[in-house]
């Protein structure tokens, strides 16, 4: 019976390159996914803050012309994202829907005044900024009272700071782990070629000449891995945002391009430097040290 010989060297190299590229692709995909999560967490934080409502209660004698002037005044304020007028009857209907009881019929009159619901930009929803804005709005004509849920604002600010620190810490730790894994994957690939590196040294090849093909091949793998990782990110993010439209921030092409660029840059830069230092390590070893 004829014995089967070993696999051709070419097939082994193709398998090794495939495994290396696949490993880099998956790790770069995780880096991109982590970046999207960090950006999305920031978006959700801003989304919650910008839905904090401030109610400007108007006095009963406010005229329509005064109301129009007040709305124009609010529209030009840099802190104000939107301002919506709510008449007394609408305010009573909204409160009645929340309470589930006809308090107007019970009291015999509507105790609520007309108001303007103001939404602020996220940067102006911190406690100190809201205190300043409260006094500022009270100085506006026909504004009788400024109301917002202080306890809710305090809770949001406290939790937002803690969540940001946790996400930042986890993000840095995970990023370092992913970089280390990519580095180890490339080092293992170089390790399998350590005898080739030593042979090239013995025939008089310079260090730069020896490094060049390894760096080119590694950067090529990193580029292909980054492109494949970006394809996976598009599929994952699109599928997620389809089911959670309000919870995923993919409307800005600028943000998406930043993430894709980060993944591509990470693939090229990490591959380049990991290969450079790995090859240098084996260039410094003696022949007998290559077996350890």
C-alpha atoms as a PDB file:
ATOM      1  CA  UNK A   1       0.000   0.000   0.000  1.00  0.00           C
ATOM      2  CA  UNK A   2       1.377   3.356  -0.991  1.00  0.00           C
ATOM      3  CA  UNK A   3       1.920   5.768   1.896  1.00  0.00           C
ATOM      4  CA  UNK A   4       0.639   9.291   1.536  1.00  0.00           C
ATOM      5  CA  UNK A   5       3.304  11.918   1.707  1.00  0.00           C
ATOM      6  CA  UNK A   6       3.162  15.093   3.799  1.00  0.00           C
ATOM      7  CA  UNK A   7       1.082  18.036   2.722  1.00  0.00           C
ATOM      8  CA  UNK A   8       2.795  20.335   0.251  1.00  0.00           C
ATOM      9  CA  UNK A   9       4.562  23.293   1.820  1.00  0.00           C
ATOM     10  CA  UNK A  10       2.424  25.680  -0.230  1.00  0.00           C
ATOM     11  CA  UNK A  11      -0.778  24.329   1.301  1.00  0.00           C
ATOM     12  CA  UNK A  12       0.667  24.657   4.802  1.00  0.00           C
ATOM     13  CA  UNK A  13       1.605  28.270   4.130  1.00  0.00           C
ATOM     14  CA  UNK A  14      -1.867  29.042   2.777  1.00  0.00           C
ATOM     15  CA  UNK A  15      -3.460  27.515   5.880  1.00  0.00           C
ATOM     16  CA  UNK A  16      -1.111  29.463   8.165  1.00  0.00           C
ATOM     17  CA  UNK A  17      -1.862  32.744   6.354  1.00  0.00           C
ATOM     18  CA  UNK A  18      -5.599  32.032   6.474  1.00  0.00           C
ATOM     19  CA  UNK A  19      -5.550  31.365  10.233  1.00  0.00           C
ATOM     20  CA  UNK A  20      -3.435  34.477  10.859  1.00  0.00           C
ATOM     21  CA  UNK A  21      -5.717  36.712   8.771  1.00  0.00           C
ATOM     22  CA  UNK A  22      -8.848  35.242  10.350  1.00  0.00           C
ATOM     23  CA  UNK A  23      -7.481  35.834  13.867  1.00  0.00           C
ATOM     24  CA  UNK A  24      -6.580  39.440  13.046  1.00  0.00           C
ATOM     25  CA  UNK A  25     -10.014  39.974  11.446  1.00  0.00           C
ATOM     26  CA  UNK A  26     -11.889  38.781  14.528  1.00  0.00           C
ATOM     27  CA  UNK A  27      -9.753  40.828  16.903  1.00  0.00           C
ATOM     28  CA  UNK A  28     -10.082  43.981  14.767  1.00  0.00           C
ATOM     29  CA  UNK A  29     -13.827  43.360  14.610  1.00  0.00           C
ATOM     30  CA  UNK A  30     -13.893  43.349  18.430  1.00  0.00           C
ATOM     31  CA  UNK A  31     -11.886  46.593  18.502  1.00  0.00           C
ATOM     32  CA  UNK A  32     -14.395  48.205  16.135  1.00  0.00           C
ATOM     33  CA  UNK A  33     -17.325  46.848  18.114  1.00  0.00           C
ATOM     34  CA  UNK A  34     -15.820  48.238  21.309  1.00  0.00           C
ATOM     35  CA  UNK A  35     -15.392  51.642  19.621  1.00  0.00           C
ATOM     36  CA  UNK A  36     -19.021  51.638  18.496  1.00  0.00           C
ATOM     37  CA  UNK A  37     -20.141  50.750  22.022  1.00  0.00           C
ATOM     38  CA  UNK A  38     -18.141  53.632  23.525  1.00  0.00           C
ATOM     39  CA  UNK A  39     -19.494  56.116  20.974  1.00  0.00           C
ATOM     40  CA  UNK A  40     -23.015  54.758  21.368  1.00  0.00           C
ATOM     41  CA  UNK A  41     -22.782  55.082  25.167  1.00  0.00           C
ATOM     42  CA  UNK A  42     -21.829  58.746  24.722  1.00  0.00           C
ATOM     43  CA  UNK A  43     -24.768  59.234  22.355  1.00  0.00           C
ATOM     44  CA  UNK A  44     -27.202  57.612  24.789  1.00  0.00           C
ATOM     45  CA  UNK A  45     -25.894  59.828  27.566  1.00  0.00           C
ATOM     46  CA  UNK A  46     -26.508  62.935  25.448  1.00  0.00           C
ATOM     47  CA  UNK A  47     -29.881  61.582  24.310  1.00  0.00           C
ATOM     48  CA  UNK A  48     -31.047  61.200  27.919  1.00  0.00           C
ATOM     49  CA  UNK A  49     -29.718  64.612  28.914  1.00  0.00           C
ATOM     50  CA  UNK A  50     -31.358  66.379  25.974  1.00  0.00           C
ATOM     51  CA  UNK A  51     -34.719  64.904  26.966  1.00  0.00           C
ATOM     52  CA  UNK A  52     -34.612  66.523  30.388  1.00  0.00           C
ATOM     53  CA  UNK A  53     -37.518  68.933  30.280  1.00  0.00           C
ATOM     54  CA  UNK A  54     -37.594  72.423  31.786  1.00  0.00           C
ATOM     55  CA  UNK A  55     -41.042  73.944  32.096  1.00  0.00           C
ATOM     56  CA  UNK A  56     -41.443  77.715  31.939  1.00  0.00           C
ATOM     57  CA  UNK A  57     -44.795  78.480  33.576  1.00  0.00           C
ATOM     58  CA  UNK A  58     -46.333  81.625  32.100  1.00  0.00           C
ATOM     59  CA  UNK A  59     -48.554  84.096  33.888  1.00  0.00           C
ATOM     60  CA  UNK A  60     -52.245  84.221  33.096  1.00  0.00           C
ATOM     61  CA  UNK A  61     -52.085  87.652  31.449  1.00  0.00           C
ATOM     62  CA  UNK A  62     -49.649  86.649  28.725  1.00  0.00           C
ATOM     63  CA  UNK A  63     -50.780  87.876  25.333  1.00  0.00           C
ATOM     64  CA  UNK A  64     -50.277  86.134  22.025  1.00  0.00           C
ATOM     65  CA  UNK A  65     -47.858  88.795  20.823  1.00  0.00           C
ATOM     66  CA  UNK A  66     -45.857  88.445  24.056  1.00  0.00           C
ATOM     67  CA  UNK A  67     -45.847  84.680  23.637  1.00  0.00           C
ATOM     68  CA  UNK A  68     -44.453  84.978  20.096  1.00  0.00           C
ATOM     69  CA  UNK A  69     -41.701  87.323  21.301  1.00  0.00           C
ATOM     70  CA  UNK A  70     -40.827  84.935  24.139  1.00  0.00           C
ATOM     71  CA  UNK A  71     -40.580  81.991  21.755  1.00  0.00           C
ATOM     72  CA  UNK A  72     -38.304  84.007  19.462  1.00  0.00           C
ATOM     73  CA  UNK A  73     -36.171  84.959  22.469  1.00  0.00           C
ATOM     74  CA  UNK A  74     -35.826  81.323  23.488  1.00  0.00           C
ATOM     75  CA  UNK A  75     -35.002  80.243  19.934  1.00  0.00           C
ATOM     76  CA  UNK A  76     -31.863  82.407  19.819  1.00  0.00           C
ATOM     77  CA  UNK A  77     -30.506  81.123  23.139  1.00  0.00           C
ATOM     78  CA  UNK A  78     -27.405  78.924  22.563  1.00  0.00           C
ATOM     79  CA  UNK A  79     -28.458  76.530  25.337  1.00  0.00           C
ATOM     80  CA  UNK A  80     -31.947  75.822  23.976  1.00  0.00           C
ATOM     81  CA  UNK A  81     -32.431  72.873  21.628  1.00  0.00           C
ATOM     82  CA  UNK A  82     -36.212  73.183  21.313  1.00  0.00           C
ATOM     83  CA  UNK A  83     -39.100  75.075  22.873  1.00  0.00           C
ATOM     84  CA  UNK A  84     -42.731  73.956  22.612  1.00  0.00           C
ATOM     85  CA  UNK A  85     -45.750  75.969  23.763  1.00  0.00           C
ATOM     86  CA  UNK A  86     -48.377  74.076  25.809  1.00  0.00           C
ATOM     87  CA  UNK A  87     -51.663  75.856  26.508  1.00  0.00           C
ATOM     88  CA  UNK A  88     -53.515  75.395  29.800  1.00  0.00           C
ATOM     89  CA  UNK A  89     -56.135  73.054  28.360  1.00  0.00           C
ATOM     90  CA  UNK A  90     -53.530  70.734  26.790  1.00  0.00           C
ATOM     91  CA  UNK A  91     -51.512  70.737  30.027  1.00  0.00           C
ATOM     92  CA  UNK A  92     -54.651  69.692  31.946  1.00  0.00           C
ATOM     93  CA  UNK A  93     -55.360  66.867  29.480  1.00  0.00           C
ATOM     94  CA  UNK A  94     -51.779  65.581  29.772  1.00  0.00           C
ATOM     95  CA  UNK A  95     -51.856  65.646  33.568  1.00  0.00           C
ATOM     96  CA  UNK A  96     -55.287  63.999  33.606  1.00  0.00           C
ATOM     97  CA  UNK A  97     -53.937  61.183  31.394  1.00  0.00           C
ATOM     98  CA  UNK A  98     -51.005  60.678  33.789  1.00  0.00           C
ATOM     99  CA  UNK A  99     -53.122  60.745  36.947  1.00  0.00           C
ATOM    100  CA  UNK A 100     -56.043  58.817  35.506  1.00  0.00           C
ATOM    101  CA  UNK A 101     -58.487  61.179  37.229  1.00  0.00           C
ATOM    102  CA  UNK A 102     -60.563  64.165  36.139  1.00  0.00           C
ATOM    103  CA  UNK A 103     -59.173  66.720  38.581  1.00  0.00           C
ATOM    104  CA  UNK A 104     -60.622  69.628  36.569  1.00  0.00           C
ATOM    105  CA  UNK A 105     -64.142  68.302  37.043  1.00  0.00           C
ATOM    106  CA  UNK A 106     -63.449  67.709  40.732  1.00  0.00           C
ATOM    107  CA  UNK A 107     -62.067  71.220  41.333  1.00  0.00           C
ATOM    108  CA  UNK A 108     -64.465  72.943  39.001  1.00  0.00           C
ATOM    109  CA  UNK A 109     -61.703  74.888  37.256  1.00  0.00           C
ATOM    110  CA  UNK A 110     -58.328  74.370  35.600  1.00  0.00           C
ATOM    111  CA  UNK A 111     -55.523  75.355  37.999  1.00  0.00           C
ATOM    112  CA  UNK A 112     -52.785  74.946  35.401  1.00  0.00           C
ATOM    113  CA  UNK A 113     -51.236  77.807  33.455  1.00  0.00           C
ATOM    114  CA  UNK A 114     -49.923  77.873  29.931  1.00  0.00           C
ATOM    115  CA  UNK A 115     -46.262  76.919  29.713  1.00  0.00           C
ATOM    116  CA  UNK A 116     -43.319  76.374  27.395  1.00  0.00           C
ATOM    117  CA  UNK A 117     -41.461  73.055  27.509  1.00  0.00           C
ATOM    118  CA  UNK A 118     -37.784  73.683  26.907  1.00  0.00           C
ATOM    119  CA  UNK A 119     -35.204  71.036  25.946  1.00  0.00           C
ATOM    120  CA  UNK A 120     -31.525  71.906  26.367  1.00  0.00           C
ATOM    121  CA  UNK A 121     -28.378  70.716  24.666  1.00  0.00           C
ATOM    122  CA  UNK A 122     -26.521  68.061  26.659  1.00  0.00           C
ATOM    123  CA  UNK A 123     -23.636  70.363  27.579  1.00  0.00           C
ATOM    124  CA  UNK A 124     -26.001  72.649  29.541  1.00  0.00           C
ATOM    125  CA  UNK A 125     -27.771  69.984  31.616  1.00  0.00           C
ATOM    126  CA  UNK A 126     -25.281  69.842  34.483  1.00  0.00           C
ATOM    127  CA  UNK A 127     -26.355  71.051  37.896  1.00  0.00           C
ATOM    128  CA  UNK A 128     -24.393  74.320  37.889  1.00  0.00           C
ATOM    129  CA  UNK A 129     -25.527  75.190  34.354  1.00  0.00           C
ATOM    130  CA  UNK A 130     -29.182  74.494  35.197  1.00  0.00           C
ATOM    131  CA  UNK A 131     -29.019  76.748  38.261  1.00  0.00           C
ATOM    132  CA  UNK A 132     -27.736  79.607  36.113  1.00  0.00           C
ATOM    133  CA  UNK A 133     -30.317  78.957  33.407  1.00  0.00           C
ATOM    134  CA  UNK A 134     -33.130  78.824  35.958  1.00  0.00           C
ATOM    135  CA  UNK A 135     -32.384  82.360  37.072  1.00  0.00           C
ATOM    136  CA  UNK A 136     -31.887  83.461  33.470  1.00  0.00           C
ATOM    137  CA  UNK A 137     -35.303  82.146  32.407  1.00  0.00           C
ATOM    138  CA  UNK A 138     -36.989  83.719  35.418  1.00  0.00           C
ATOM    139  CA  UNK A 139     -35.778  87.107  34.173  1.00  0.00           C
ATOM    140  CA  UNK A 140     -37.603  86.600  30.878  1.00  0.00           C
ATOM    141  CA  UNK A 141     -40.874  88.566  30.514  1.00  0.00           C
ATOM    142  CA  UNK A 142     -44.110  86.744  31.445  1.00  0.00           C
ATOM    143  CA  UNK A 143     -42.248  83.764  33.002  1.00  0.00           C
ATOM    144  CA  UNK A 144     -43.773  83.145  36.408  1.00  0.00           C
ATOM    145  CA  UNK A 145     -41.961  79.964  37.441  1.00  0.00           C
ATOM    146  CA  UNK A 146     -39.237  77.627  36.193  1.00  0.00           C
ATOM    147  CA  UNK A 147     -39.682  73.948  37.018  1.00  0.00           C
ATOM    148  CA  UNK A 148     -37.580  70.833  36.400  1.00  0.00           C
ATOM    149  CA  UNK A 149     -37.057  67.596  38.293  1.00  0.00           C
ATOM    150  CA  UNK A 150     -33.951  68.341  40.325  1.00  0.00           C
ATOM    151  CA  UNK A 151     -33.709  64.886  41.890  1.00  0.00           C
ATOM    152  CA  UNK A 152     -33.840  63.247  38.472  1.00  0.00           C
ATOM    153  CA  UNK A 153     -31.173  65.605  37.126  1.00  0.00           C
ATOM    154  CA  UNK A 154     -28.890  64.883  40.095  1.00  0.00           C
ATOM    155  CA  UNK A 155     -29.360  61.148  39.614  1.00  0.00           C
ATOM    156  CA  UNK A 156     -28.586  61.351  35.883  1.00  0.00           C
ATOM    157  CA  UNK A 157     -25.451  63.436  36.442  1.00  0.00           C
ATOM    158  CA  UNK A 158     -24.111  61.146  39.165  1.00  0.00           C
ATOM    159  CA  UNK A 159     -24.771  57.930  37.248  1.00  0.00           C
ATOM    160  CA  UNK A 160     -23.509  59.373  33.948  1.00  0.00           C
ATOM    161  CA  UNK A 161     -20.114  60.198  35.474  1.00  0.00           C
ATOM    162  CA  UNK A 162     -19.799  56.725  37.005  1.00  0.00           C
ATOM    163  CA  UNK A 163     -20.855  54.972  33.796  1.00  0.00           C
ATOM    164  CA  UNK A 164     -18.422  57.049  31.718  1.00  0.00           C
ATOM    165  CA  UNK A 165     -15.523  56.113  34.010  1.00  0.00           C
ATOM    166  CA  UNK A 166     -16.477  52.414  33.946  1.00  0.00           C
ATOM    167  CA  UNK A 167     -16.818  52.349  30.152  1.00  0.00           C
ATOM    168  CA  UNK A 168     -13.529  54.224  29.718  1.00  0.00           C
ATOM    169  CA  UNK A 169     -11.696  51.842  32.065  1.00  0.00           C
ATOM    170  CA  UNK A 170     -13.147  48.718  30.445  1.00  0.00           C
ATOM    171  CA  UNK A 171     -12.471  50.139  26.998  1.00  0.00           C
ATOM    172  CA  UNK A 172      -8.784  50.727  27.753  1.00  0.00           C
ATOM    173  CA  UNK A 173      -8.374  47.267  29.309  1.00  0.00           C
ATOM    174  CA  UNK A 174     -10.121  45.502  26.421  1.00  0.00           C
ATOM    175  CA  UNK A 175      -8.136  47.487  23.854  1.00  0.00           C
ATOM    176  CA  UNK A 176      -4.849  46.475  25.483  1.00  0.00           C
ATOM    177  CA  UNK A 177      -5.981  42.833  25.525  1.00  0.00           C
ATOM    178  CA  UNK A 178      -6.934  42.920  21.838  1.00  0.00           C
ATOM    179  CA  UNK A 179      -3.612  44.540  20.890  1.00  0.00           C
ATOM    180  CA  UNK A 180      -1.719  41.912  22.894  1.00  0.00           C
ATOM    181  CA  UNK A 181      -3.626  39.097  21.181  1.00  0.00           C
ATOM    182  CA  UNK A 182      -2.919  40.486  17.710  1.00  0.00           C
ATOM    183  CA  UNK A 183       0.727  40.917  18.662  1.00  0.00           C
ATOM    184  CA  UNK A 184       0.941  37.298  19.870  1.00  0.00           C
ATOM    185  CA  UNK A 185      -0.735  36.031  16.691  1.00  0.00           C
ATOM    186  CA  UNK A 186       1.857  37.804  14.549  1.00  0.00           C
ATOM    187  CA  UNK A 187       4.735  36.684  16.790  1.00  0.00           C
ATOM    188  CA  UNK A 188       3.645  33.053  16.400  1.00  0.00           C
ATOM    189  CA  UNK A 189       3.585  33.516  12.637  1.00  0.00           C
ATOM    190  CA  UNK A 190       7.136  34.919  12.703  1.00  0.00           C
ATOM    191  CA  UNK A 191       8.236  32.174  15.099  1.00  0.00           C
ATOM    192  CA  UNK A 192       7.396  29.516  12.508  1.00  0.00           C
ATOM    193  CA  UNK A 193       9.812  31.263  10.126  1.00  0.00           C
ATOM    194  CA  UNK A 194      12.685  31.736  12.582  1.00  0.00           C
ATOM    195  CA  UNK A 195      14.969  29.266  10.778  1.00  0.00           C
ATOM    196  CA  UNK A 196      14.394  31.074   7.479  1.00  0.00           C
ATOM    197  CA  UNK A 197      15.418  34.334   9.167  1.00  0.00           C
ATOM    198  CA  UNK A 198      18.575  32.692  10.512  1.00  0.00           C
ATOM    199  CA  UNK A 199      19.428  31.192   7.111  1.00  0.00           C
ATOM    200  CA  UNK A 200      19.068  34.593   5.443  1.00  0.00           C
ATOM    201  CA  UNK A 201      21.457  36.026   8.013  1.00  0.00           C
ATOM    202  CA  UNK A 202      24.001  33.299   7.302  1.00  0.00           C
ATOM    203  CA  UNK A 203      24.063  34.130   3.585  1.00  0.00           C
ATOM    204  CA  UNK A 204      24.754  37.785   4.386  1.00  0.00           C
ATOM    205  CA  UNK A 205      21.323  39.434   4.057  1.00  0.00           C
ATOM    206  CA  UNK A 206      20.964  42.742   5.890  1.00  0.00           C
ATOM    207  CA  UNK A 207      18.422  43.178   8.661  1.00  0.00           C
ATOM    208  CA  UNK A 208      16.292  45.596   6.649  1.00  0.00           C
ATOM    209  CA  UNK A 209      16.282  43.181   3.705  1.00  0.00           C
ATOM    210  CA  UNK A 210      15.147  40.341   5.984  1.00  0.00           C
ATOM    211  CA  UNK A 211      12.440  42.414   7.683  1.00  0.00           C
ATOM    212  CA  UNK A 212      10.958  43.815   4.471  1.00  0.00           C
ATOM    213  CA  UNK A 213       9.038  40.746   3.157  1.00  0.00           C
ATOM    214  CA  UNK A 214       7.729  39.870   6.618  1.00  0.00           C
ATOM    215  CA  UNK A 215       6.511  43.421   7.225  1.00  0.00           C
ATOM    216  CA  UNK A 216       4.877  43.663   3.775  1.00  0.00           C
ATOM    217  CA  UNK A 217       3.116  40.332   4.257  1.00  0.00           C
ATOM    218  CA  UNK A 218       2.006  41.210   7.787  1.00  0.00           C
ATOM    219  CA  UNK A 219       0.688  44.653   6.777  1.00  0.00           C
ATOM    220  CA  UNK A 220      -1.171  43.001   3.895  1.00  0.00           C
ATOM    221  CA  UNK A 221      -2.790  40.560   6.340  1.00  0.00           C
ATOM    222  CA  UNK A 222      -3.647  43.459   8.646  1.00  0.00           C
ATOM    223  CA  UNK A 223      -5.202  45.406   5.760  1.00  0.00           C
ATOM    224  CA  UNK A 224      -7.283  42.446   4.588  1.00  0.00           C
ATOM    225  CA  UNK A 225      -8.278  41.717   8.199  1.00  0.00           C
ATOM    226  CA  UNK A 226      -9.324  45.347   8.711  1.00  0.00           C
ATOM    227  CA  UNK A 227     -11.449  45.356   5.555  1.00  0.00           C
ATOM    228  CA  UNK A 228     -13.169  42.119   6.552  1.00  0.00           C
ATOM    229  CA  UNK A 229     -13.664  43.424  10.105  1.00  0.00           C
ATOM    230  CA  UNK A 230     -15.333  46.572   8.743  1.00  0.00           C
ATOM    231  CA  UNK A 231     -17.679  44.427   6.635  1.00  0.00           C
ATOM    232  CA  UNK A 232     -18.630  42.466   9.758  1.00  0.00           C
ATOM    233  CA  UNK A 233     -19.152  45.734  11.646  1.00  0.00           C
ATOM    234  CA  UNK A 234     -21.501  47.034   8.949  1.00  0.00           C
ATOM    235  CA  UNK A 235     -23.556  43.841   9.085  1.00  0.00           C
ATOM    236  CA  UNK A 236     -23.665  43.756  12.891  1.00  0.00           C
ATOM    237  CA  UNK A 237     -24.422  47.448  13.395  1.00  0.00           C
ATOM    238  CA  UNK A 238     -27.073  47.514  10.658  1.00  0.00           C
ATOM    239  CA  UNK A 239     -28.828  44.488  12.112  1.00  0.00           C
ATOM    240  CA  UNK A 240     -28.724  45.942  15.621  1.00  0.00           C
ATOM    241  CA  UNK A 241     -29.992  49.386  14.626  1.00  0.00           C
ATOM    242  CA  UNK A 242     -32.843  47.802  12.667  1.00  0.00           C
ATOM    243  CA  UNK A 243     -34.319  46.433  15.903  1.00  0.00           C
ATOM    244  CA  UNK A 244     -33.175  49.201  18.267  1.00  0.00           C
ATOM    245  CA  UNK A 245     -33.510  52.365  16.212  1.00  0.00           C
ATOM    246  CA  UNK A 246     -33.463  54.736  19.185  1.00  0.00           C
ATOM    247  CA  UNK A 247     -30.569  53.002  20.906  1.00  0.00           C
ATOM    248  CA  UNK A 248     -28.022  52.965  18.079  1.00  0.00           C
ATOM    249  CA  UNK A 249     -26.316  56.039  16.727  1.00  0.00           C
ATOM    250  CA  UNK A 250     -25.504  55.329  13.082  1.00  0.00           C
ATOM    251  CA  UNK A 251     -27.010  58.439  11.496  1.00  0.00           C
ATOM    252  CA  UNK A 252     -23.697  60.280  11.357  1.00  0.00           C
ATOM    253  CA  UNK A 253     -21.454  59.117   8.532  1.00  0.00           C
ATOM    254  CA  UNK A 254     -18.653  61.052  10.193  1.00  0.00           C
ATOM    255  CA  UNK A 255     -18.813  58.833  13.287  1.00  0.00           C
ATOM    256  CA  UNK A 256     -19.005  55.614  11.260  1.00  0.00           C
ATOM    257  CA  UNK A 257     -16.043  56.656   9.122  1.00  0.00           C
ATOM    258  CA  UNK A 258     -14.019  57.385  12.253  1.00  0.00           C
ATOM    259  CA  UNK A 259     -14.663  53.861  13.573  1.00  0.00           C
ATOM    260  CA  UNK A 260     -13.834  52.260  10.218  1.00  0.00           C
ATOM    261  CA  UNK A 261     -10.699  54.377   9.939  1.00  0.00           C
ATOM    262  CA  UNK A 262      -9.683  53.401  13.475  1.00  0.00           C
ATOM    263  CA  UNK A 263     -10.078  49.698  12.669  1.00  0.00           C
ATOM    264  CA  UNK A 264      -8.102  50.051   9.431  1.00  0.00           C
ATOM    265  CA  UNK A 265      -5.357  52.059  11.124  1.00  0.00           C
ATOM    266  CA  UNK A 266      -5.169  49.575  14.006  1.00  0.00           C
ATOM    267  CA  UNK A 267      -4.806  46.678  11.565  1.00  0.00           C
ATOM    268  CA  UNK A 268      -1.939  48.321   9.682  1.00  0.00           C
ATOM    269  CA  UNK A 269      -0.090  49.921  12.607  1.00  0.00           C
ATOM    270  CA  UNK A 270      -0.285  46.952  14.994  1.00  0.00           C
ATOM    271  CA  UNK A 271       0.741  44.533  12.227  1.00  0.00           C
ATOM    272  CA  UNK A 272       3.696  46.712  11.248  1.00  0.00           C
ATOM    273  CA  UNK A 273       5.161  47.247  14.710  1.00  0.00           C
ATOM    274  CA  UNK A 274       4.435  43.717  15.961  1.00  0.00           C
ATOM    275  CA  UNK A 275       6.226  42.253  12.948  1.00  0.00           C
ATOM    276  CA  UNK A 276       9.097  44.711  13.207  1.00  0.00           C
ATOM    277  CA  UNK A 277       9.864  43.877  16.843  1.00  0.00           C
ATOM    278  CA  UNK A 278       9.218  40.130  16.405  1.00  0.00           C
ATOM    279  CA  UNK A 279      11.659  39.856  13.490  1.00  0.00           C
ATOM    280  CA  UNK A 280      14.235  41.915  15.389  1.00  0.00           C
ATOM    281  CA  UNK A 281      13.984  39.485  18.297  1.00  0.00           C
ATOM    282  CA  UNK A 282      14.868  36.486  16.115  1.00  0.00           C
ATOM    283  CA  UNK A 283      17.590  38.442  14.326  1.00  0.00           C
ATOM    284  CA  UNK A 284      19.388  38.741  17.656  1.00  0.00           C
ATOM    285  CA  UNK A 285      19.226  35.015  18.511  1.00  0.00           C
ATOM    286  CA  UNK A 286      21.989  32.505  17.871  1.00  0.00           C
ATOM    287  CA  UNK A 287      21.231  29.311  15.984  1.00  0.00           C
ATOM    288  CA  UNK A 288      21.165  27.157  19.124  1.00  0.00           C
ATOM    289  CA  UNK A 289      18.723  29.599  20.781  1.00  0.00           C
ATOM    290  CA  UNK A 290      16.168  29.065  18.021  1.00  0.00           C
ATOM    291  CA  UNK A 291      15.259  25.651  19.467  1.00  0.00           C
ATOM    292  CA  UNK A 292      14.153  27.051  22.837  1.00  0.00           C
END
